[in-house]
Amino acid sequence: MITTTKVTEKNFLKIYNPEDGLSLNINSVEQAIKSKLPTLNSLQKLNEQKTVALLALYLLELNSAIKIGDRMSKNNINTTAIRIIQKYGFMKLSDIIFVLNKFLDGEIKLYGSLSRRDIMGALHDHSENRSMR
């Protein structure tokens, strides 16, 4: 479970472990916005490489958990993690968890593959819904 321990450059990969994060109960845009989890930009200020690695771990977890034939390559996962930070750095980690869980729960349909386009499209839709709040 993600704790409220003070986040440092050394411990944030452990604190925000995707095995714990993807089990968080974030069921709405409001919960994602009100969460006390940090933004991607604030994590990036601590350590950019570890922030990319953290997002890549979340994407790897999603990639391995869903039952599809065509999965993302590790290179594609890393590129997607970088692009998420570049485009959606203002979002909280809770926003990312919320969207990835929508894939895991089948609320975002996949048709035989998982791609950067699927993930970025879902984040775009979430960003628009978020801005309407």
N, C-alpha and C. Protein backbone atom coordinates (compact mmCIF):
# COMPACT_ATOMS: atom_id res chain seq x y z
N MET A 1 0.84 -1.18 0.00
CA MET A 1 0.00 0.00 0.00
C MET A 1 0.88 1.24 0.00
N ILE A 2 0.51 2.23 -0.77
CA ILE A 2 1.25 3.47 -0.83
C ILE A 2 1.07 4.20 0.49
N THR A 3 2.20 4.64 1.05
CA THR A 3 2.16 5.30 2.35
C THR A 3 2.31 6.81 2.20
N THR A 4 2.22 7.49 3.32
CA THR A 4 2.41 8.94 3.31
C THR A 4 3.81 9.31 3.79
N THR A 5 4.74 8.36 3.75
CA THR A 5 6.12 8.61 4.11
C THR A 5 6.67 9.73 3.26
N LYS A 6 7.58 10.52 3.83
CA LYS A 6 8.20 11.60 3.07
C LYS A 6 8.91 11.00 1.86
N VAL A 7 8.61 11.55 0.70
CA VAL A 7 9.19 11.04 -0.54
C VAL A 7 10.54 11.69 -0.78
N THR A 8 11.53 10.85 -1.03
CA THR A 8 12.86 11.34 -1.38
C THR A 8 13.28 10.68 -2.68
N GLU A 9 14.36 11.17 -3.26
CA GLU A 9 14.86 10.59 -4.50
C GLU A 9 15.15 9.10 -4.32
N LYS A 10 15.63 8.72 -3.15
CA LYS A 10 15.99 7.32 -2.92
C LYS A 10 14.79 6.39 -2.76
N ASN A 11 13.71 6.87 -2.16
CA ASN A 11 12.64 5.94 -1.79
C ASN A 11 11.40 5.98 -2.67
N PHE A 12 11.29 6.88 -3.65
CA PHE A 12 10.00 6.99 -4.31
C PHE A 12 9.65 5.82 -5.20
N LEU A 13 10.64 5.11 -5.76
CA LEU A 13 10.31 3.91 -6.53
C LEU A 13 9.71 2.83 -5.63
N LYS A 14 10.20 2.76 -4.40
CA LYS A 14 9.65 1.79 -3.45
C LYS A 14 8.26 2.22 -2.96
N ILE A 15 8.09 3.50 -2.65
CA ILE A 15 6.82 4.00 -2.13
C ILE A 15 5.71 3.84 -3.16
N TYR A 16 6.01 4.14 -4.43
CA TYR A 16 4.98 4.12 -5.48
C TYR A 16 5.05 2.86 -6.34
N ASN A 17 5.43 1.77 -5.74
CA ASN A 17 5.49 0.47 -6.40
C ASN A 17 4.18 0.17 -7.13
N PRO A 18 4.24 -0.15 -8.43
CA PRO A 18 3.00 -0.39 -9.17
C PRO A 18 2.16 -1.55 -8.64
N GLU A 19 2.78 -2.53 -8.03
CA GLU A 19 2.00 -3.63 -7.47
C GLU A 19 1.05 -3.11 -6.40
N ASP A 20 1.50 -2.09 -5.67
CA ASP A 20 0.66 -1.48 -4.65
C ASP A 20 -0.25 -0.42 -5.26
N GLY A 21 0.31 0.38 -6.16
CA GLY A 21 -0.42 1.50 -6.73
C GLY A 21 -1.63 1.09 -7.53
N LEU A 22 -1.51 0.05 -8.34
CA LEU A 22 -2.64 -0.35 -9.17
C LEU A 22 -3.77 -0.98 -8.37
N SER A 23 -3.51 -1.24 -7.10
CA SER A 23 -4.58 -1.76 -6.25
C SER A 23 -5.28 -0.65 -5.46
N LEU A 24 -4.83 0.59 -5.63
CA LEU A 24 -5.48 1.70 -4.94
C LEU A 24 -6.92 1.86 -5.40
N ASN A 25 -7.77 2.27 -4.50
CA ASN A 25 -9.18 2.43 -4.79
C ASN A 25 -9.44 3.86 -5.27
N ILE A 26 -9.14 4.10 -6.54
CA ILE A 26 -9.39 5.40 -7.17
C ILE A 26 -10.42 5.14 -8.26
N ASN A 27 -11.67 5.48 -7.96
CA ASN A 27 -12.77 5.10 -8.84
C ASN A 27 -13.42 6.25 -9.59
N SER A 28 -12.89 7.45 -9.42
CA SER A 28 -13.51 8.59 -10.10
C SER A 28 -12.45 9.65 -10.39
N VAL A 29 -12.80 10.54 -11.29
CA VAL A 29 -11.92 11.66 -11.61
C VAL A 29 -11.72 12.51 -10.36
N GLU A 30 -12.77 12.71 -9.60
CA GLU A 30 -12.68 13.51 -8.38
C GLU A 30 -11.69 12.92 -7.39
N GLN A 31 -11.74 11.60 -7.22
CA GLN A 31 -10.80 10.94 -6.31
C GLN A 31 -9.37 11.11 -6.81
N ALA A 32 -9.18 11.00 -8.09
CA ALA A 32 -7.83 11.17 -8.66
C ALA A 32 -7.31 12.59 -8.41
N ILE A 33 -8.17 13.57 -8.59
CA ILE A 33 -7.78 14.97 -8.41
C ILE A 33 -7.49 15.27 -6.94
N LYS A 34 -8.32 14.76 -6.03
CA LYS A 34 -8.19 15.07 -4.60
C LYS A 34 -7.11 14.24 -3.89
N SER A 35 -6.59 13.24 -4.56
CA SER A 35 -5.57 12.38 -3.96
C SER A 35 -4.37 13.19 -3.50
N LYS A 36 -3.71 12.71 -2.48
CA LYS A 36 -2.51 13.36 -1.98
C LYS A 36 -1.25 12.88 -2.70
N LEU A 37 -1.41 12.03 -3.71
CA LEU A 37 -0.25 11.57 -4.47
C LEU A 37 0.34 12.73 -5.26
N PRO A 38 1.65 12.70 -5.52
CA PRO A 38 2.31 13.82 -6.20
C PRO A 38 2.01 13.85 -7.69
N THR A 39 2.30 14.99 -8.30
CA THR A 39 2.21 15.09 -9.75
C THR A 39 3.45 14.45 -10.37
N LEU A 40 3.34 14.13 -11.64
CA LEU A 40 4.50 13.58 -12.35
C LEU A 40 5.63 14.61 -12.38
N ASN A 41 5.28 15.88 -12.56
CA ASN A 41 6.31 16.93 -12.58
C ASN A 41 7.06 17.03 -11.26
N SER A 42 6.35 16.88 -10.14
CA SER A 42 7.04 16.96 -8.84
C SER A 42 7.96 15.75 -8.64
N LEU A 43 7.54 14.59 -9.11
CA LEU A 43 8.42 13.42 -9.04
C LEU A 43 9.64 13.60 -9.95
N GLN A 44 9.40 14.17 -11.12
CA GLN A 44 10.48 14.37 -12.08
C GLN A 44 11.55 15.31 -11.51
N LYS A 45 11.13 16.28 -10.70
CA LYS A 45 12.09 17.20 -10.07
C LYS A 45 13.02 16.46 -9.12
N LEU A 46 12.50 15.40 -8.50
CA LEU A 46 13.35 14.59 -7.62
C LEU A 46 14.38 13.81 -8.43
N ASN A 47 13.90 13.16 -9.50
CA ASN A 47 14.80 12.36 -10.33
C ASN A 47 14.07 11.97 -11.62
N GLU A 48 14.51 12.54 -12.72
CA GLU A 48 13.83 12.32 -14.00
C GLU A 48 13.90 10.86 -14.44
N GLN A 49 15.08 10.25 -14.34
CA GLN A 49 15.23 8.85 -14.79
C GLN A 49 14.36 7.91 -13.97
N LYS A 50 14.29 8.13 -12.66
CA LYS A 50 13.47 7.26 -11.82
C LYS A 50 11.98 7.47 -12.07
N THR A 51 11.61 8.68 -12.45
CA THR A 51 10.21 8.93 -12.77
C THR A 51 9.82 8.19 -14.04
N VAL A 52 10.70 8.23 -15.04
CA VAL A 52 10.46 7.46 -16.27
C VAL A 52 10.39 5.97 -15.93
N ALA A 53 11.31 5.52 -15.09
CA ALA A 53 11.33 4.10 -14.70
C ALA A 53 10.05 3.72 -13.95
N LEU A 54 9.57 4.61 -13.09
CA LEU A 54 8.34 4.34 -12.35
C LEU A 54 7.16 4.19 -13.30
N LEU A 55 7.00 5.13 -14.21
CA LEU A 55 5.91 5.02 -15.18
C LEU A 55 6.06 3.78 -16.04
N ALA A 56 7.29 3.47 -16.44
CA ALA A 56 7.53 2.27 -17.24
C ALA A 56 7.11 1.02 -16.46
N LEU A 57 7.36 1.01 -15.16
CA LEU A 57 6.94 -0.13 -14.34
C LEU A 57 5.42 -0.26 -14.32
N TYR A 58 4.73 0.88 -14.20
CA TYR A 58 3.27 0.84 -14.24
C TYR A 58 2.78 0.30 -15.59
N LEU A 59 3.40 0.76 -16.67
CA LEU A 59 3.01 0.30 -18.01
C LEU A 59 3.34 -1.17 -18.22
N LEU A 60 4.49 -1.62 -17.69
CA LEU A 60 4.84 -3.04 -17.77
C LEU A 60 3.82 -3.89 -17.02
N GLU A 61 3.41 -3.41 -15.86
CA GLU A 61 2.41 -4.13 -15.07
C GLU A 61 1.10 -4.24 -15.85
N LEU A 62 0.67 -3.14 -16.47
CA LEU A 62 -0.53 -3.17 -17.30
C LEU A 62 -0.35 -4.13 -18.46
N ASN A 63 0.79 -4.02 -19.13
CA ASN A 63 1.10 -4.84 -20.30
C ASN A 63 1.05 -6.33 -19.98
N SER A 64 1.52 -6.70 -18.79
CA SER A 64 1.53 -8.12 -18.44
C SER A 64 0.20 -8.59 -17.86
N ALA A 65 -0.59 -7.67 -17.30
CA ALA A 65 -1.84 -8.06 -16.63
C ALA A 65 -3.00 -8.26 -17.59
N ILE A 66 -3.00 -7.56 -18.71
CA ILE A 66 -4.14 -7.69 -19.62
C ILE A 66 -3.93 -8.88 -20.55
N LYS A 67 -5.01 -9.46 -20.95
CA LYS A 67 -4.97 -10.66 -21.78
C LYS A 67 -5.19 -10.28 -23.24
N ILE A 68 -4.10 -9.91 -23.90
CA ILE A 68 -4.16 -9.58 -25.32
C ILE A 68 -2.99 -10.24 -26.03
N GLY A 69 -3.08 -10.34 -27.32
CA GLY A 69 -2.04 -11.00 -28.09
C GLY A 69 -0.84 -10.11 -28.39
N ASP A 70 -1.09 -8.86 -28.73
CA ASP A 70 -0.02 -7.97 -29.17
C ASP A 70 0.30 -6.97 -28.07
N ARG A 71 1.39 -7.22 -27.37
CA ARG A 71 1.79 -6.37 -26.24
C ARG A 71 2.83 -5.33 -26.68
N MET A 72 3.00 -4.34 -25.85
CA MET A 72 3.99 -3.29 -26.12
C MET A 72 5.40 -3.82 -25.87
N SER A 73 6.36 -3.38 -26.69
CA SER A 73 7.76 -3.73 -26.46
C SER A 73 8.32 -2.86 -25.33
N LYS A 74 9.42 -3.29 -24.74
CA LYS A 74 10.03 -2.51 -23.66
C LYS A 74 10.43 -1.13 -24.15
N ASN A 75 10.95 -1.04 -25.38
CA ASN A 75 11.32 0.26 -25.94
C ASN A 75 10.09 1.16 -26.08
N ASN A 76 8.99 0.59 -26.56
CA ASN A 76 7.77 1.35 -26.71
C ASN A 76 7.23 1.80 -25.35
N ILE A 77 7.36 0.97 -24.36
CA ILE A 77 6.93 1.32 -23.01
C ILE A 77 7.75 2.50 -22.49
N ASN A 78 9.05 2.46 -22.65
CA ASN A 78 9.90 3.56 -22.19
C ASN A 78 9.58 4.86 -22.92
N THR A 79 9.39 4.77 -24.23
CA THR A 79 9.04 5.95 -25.01
C THR A 79 7.69 6.52 -24.57
N THR A 80 6.75 5.65 -24.31
CA THR A 80 5.43 6.08 -23.84
C THR A 80 5.54 6.74 -22.47
N ALA A 81 6.35 6.19 -21.58
CA ALA A 81 6.54 6.78 -20.24
C ALA A 81 7.10 8.20 -20.37
N ILE A 82 8.08 8.38 -21.23
CA ILE A 82 8.66 9.71 -21.45
C ILE A 82 7.61 10.67 -21.98
N ARG A 83 6.84 10.21 -22.95
CA ARG A 83 5.82 11.07 -23.57
C ARG A 83 4.72 11.43 -22.58
N ILE A 84 4.35 10.51 -21.71
CA ILE A 84 3.34 10.81 -20.68
C ILE A 84 3.82 11.95 -19.79
N ILE A 85 5.08 11.90 -19.37
CA ILE A 85 5.62 12.96 -18.52
C ILE A 85 5.67 14.29 -19.28
N GLN A 86 6.08 14.24 -20.54
CA GLN A 86 6.16 15.46 -21.33
C GLN A 86 4.79 16.11 -21.51
N LYS A 87 3.80 15.31 -21.78
CA LYS A 87 2.49 15.84 -22.12
C LYS A 87 1.55 15.99 -20.92
N TYR A 88 1.67 15.11 -19.95
CA TYR A 88 0.73 15.08 -18.83
C TYR A 88 1.42 15.19 -17.47
N GLY A 89 2.53 15.87 -17.42
CA GLY A 89 3.27 16.04 -16.17
C GLY A 89 2.48 16.72 -15.07
N PHE A 90 1.47 17.49 -15.44
CA PHE A 90 0.62 18.18 -14.46
C PHE A 90 -0.29 17.21 -13.71
N MET A 91 -0.47 16.02 -14.26
CA MET A 91 -1.37 15.04 -13.62
C MET A 91 -0.69 14.42 -12.41
N LYS A 92 -1.53 14.01 -11.49
CA LYS A 92 -1.04 13.29 -10.32
C LYS A 92 -0.85 11.82 -10.68
N LEU A 93 -0.03 11.16 -9.91
CA LEU A 93 0.14 9.72 -10.09
C LEU A 93 -1.20 9.01 -9.97
N SER A 94 -2.09 9.54 -9.16
CA SER A 94 -3.43 8.96 -9.01
C SER A 94 -4.22 9.01 -10.32
N ASP A 95 -4.00 10.05 -11.14
CA ASP A 95 -4.66 10.12 -12.45
C ASP A 95 -4.19 8.97 -13.34
N ILE A 96 -2.90 8.71 -13.32
CA ILE A 96 -2.33 7.63 -14.14
C ILE A 96 -2.88 6.29 -13.67
N ILE A 97 -2.90 6.09 -12.36
CA ILE A 97 -3.43 4.84 -11.79
C ILE A 97 -4.89 4.66 -12.19
N PHE A 98 -5.66 5.73 -12.09
CA PHE A 98 -7.09 5.68 -12.45
C PHE A 98 -7.26 5.23 -13.90
N VAL A 99 -6.52 5.82 -14.82
CA VAL A 99 -6.65 5.48 -16.24
C VAL A 99 -6.17 4.05 -16.50
N LEU A 100 -5.04 3.66 -15.93
CA LEU A 100 -4.55 2.30 -16.17
C LEU A 100 -5.52 1.26 -15.61
N ASN A 101 -6.14 1.58 -14.48
CA ASN A 101 -7.13 0.65 -13.92
C ASN A 101 -8.37 0.54 -14.81
N LYS A 102 -8.70 1.59 -15.54
CA LYS A 102 -9.82 1.52 -16.48
C LYS A 102 -9.51 0.50 -17.58
N PHE A 103 -8.25 0.41 -18.00
CA PHE A 103 -7.85 -0.64 -18.95
C PHE A 103 -8.01 -2.01 -18.30
N LEU A 104 -7.47 -2.15 -17.08
CA LEU A 104 -7.51 -3.44 -16.39
C LEU A 104 -8.94 -3.90 -16.11
N ASP A 105 -9.83 -2.95 -15.85
CA ASP A 105 -11.22 -3.28 -15.55
C ASP A 105 -12.08 -3.47 -16.80
N GLY A 106 -11.49 -3.26 -17.97
CA GLY A 106 -12.23 -3.44 -19.22
C GLY A 106 -13.11 -2.25 -19.58
N GLU A 107 -12.96 -1.14 -18.89
CA GLU A 107 -13.76 0.05 -19.18
C GLU A 107 -13.23 0.80 -20.41
N ILE A 108 -11.98 0.56 -20.73
CA ILE A 108 -11.40 1.07 -21.97
C ILE A 108 -11.12 -0.15 -22.82
N LYS A 109 -11.76 -0.24 -23.94
CA LYS A 109 -11.68 -1.43 -24.79
C LYS A 109 -10.37 -1.47 -25.57
N LEU A 110 -9.81 -2.66 -25.62
CA LEU A 110 -8.64 -2.94 -26.43
C LEU A 110 -9.03 -4.01 -27.45
N TYR A 111 -8.52 -3.86 -28.62
CA TYR A 111 -8.87 -4.80 -29.69
C TYR A 111 -7.66 -5.58 -30.15
N GLY A 112 -7.19 -6.48 -29.27
CA GLY A 112 -6.11 -7.38 -29.61
C GLY A 112 -4.72 -6.84 -29.39
N SER A 113 -4.60 -5.56 -29.02
CA SER A 113 -3.26 -5.00 -28.79
C SER A 113 -3.34 -3.84 -27.80
N LEU A 114 -2.20 -3.54 -27.22
CA LEU A 114 -2.04 -2.37 -26.36
C LEU A 114 -0.95 -1.53 -27.00
N SER A 115 -1.23 -0.25 -27.21
CA SER A 115 -0.25 0.60 -27.87
C SER A 115 -0.13 1.94 -27.15
N ARG A 116 0.90 2.65 -27.53
CA ARG A 116 1.09 4.01 -27.04
C ARG A 116 -0.14 4.85 -27.38
N ARG A 117 -0.66 4.66 -28.55
CA ARG A 117 -1.84 5.41 -28.99
C ARG A 117 -3.03 5.16 -28.06
N ASP A 118 -3.24 3.91 -27.66
CA ASP A 118 -4.33 3.59 -26.73
C ASP A 118 -4.16 4.33 -25.41
N ILE A 119 -2.96 4.28 -24.87
CA ILE A 119 -2.68 4.89 -23.57
C ILE A 119 -2.77 6.41 -23.64
N MET A 120 -2.14 7.00 -24.65
CA MET A 120 -2.16 8.45 -24.78
C MET A 120 -3.58 8.95 -25.06
N GLY A 121 -4.34 8.20 -25.83
CA GLY A 121 -5.73 8.57 -26.09
C GLY A 121 -6.56 8.55 -24.82
N ALA A 122 -6.36 7.53 -24.00
CA ALA A 122 -7.10 7.43 -22.74
C ALA A 122 -6.71 8.57 -21.79
N LEU A 123 -5.42 8.91 -21.77
CA LEU A 123 -4.98 10.02 -20.92
C LEU A 123 -5.52 11.35 -21.45
N HIS A 124 -5.59 11.49 -22.75
CA HIS A 124 -6.17 12.70 -23.34
C HIS A 124 -7.63 12.85 -22.92
N ASP A 125 -8.40 11.77 -23.04
CA ASP A 125 -9.80 11.79 -22.63
C ASP A 125 -9.94 12.12 -21.14
N HIS A 126 -9.08 11.51 -20.33
CA HIS A 126 -9.10 11.78 -18.88
C HIS A 126 -8.76 13.25 -18.61
N SER A 127 -7.80 13.79 -19.32
CA SER A 127 -7.41 15.19 -19.14
C SER A 127 -8.59 16.12 -19.45
N GLU A 128 -9.31 15.81 -20.50
CA GLU A 128 -10.48 16.62 -20.84
C GLU A 128 -11.56 16.51 -19.77
N ASN A 129 -11.82 15.29 -19.29
CA ASN A 129 -12.80 15.11 -18.23
C ASN A 129 -12.36 15.81 -16.94
N ARG A 130 -11.07 15.76 -16.68
CA ARG A 130 -10.49 16.38 -15.49
C ARG A 130 -10.67 17.90 -15.55
N SER A 131 -10.45 18.48 -16.71
CA SER A 131 -10.54 19.94 -16.84
C SER A 131 -11.98 20.45 -16.74
N MET A 132 -12.95 19.56 -16.92
CA MET A 132 -14.35 19.96 -16.80
C MET A 132 -14.82 20.03 -15.36
N ARG A 133 -14.01 19.55 -14.44
CA ARG A 133 -14.40 19.49 -13.02
C ARG A 133 -14.16 20.81 -12.35
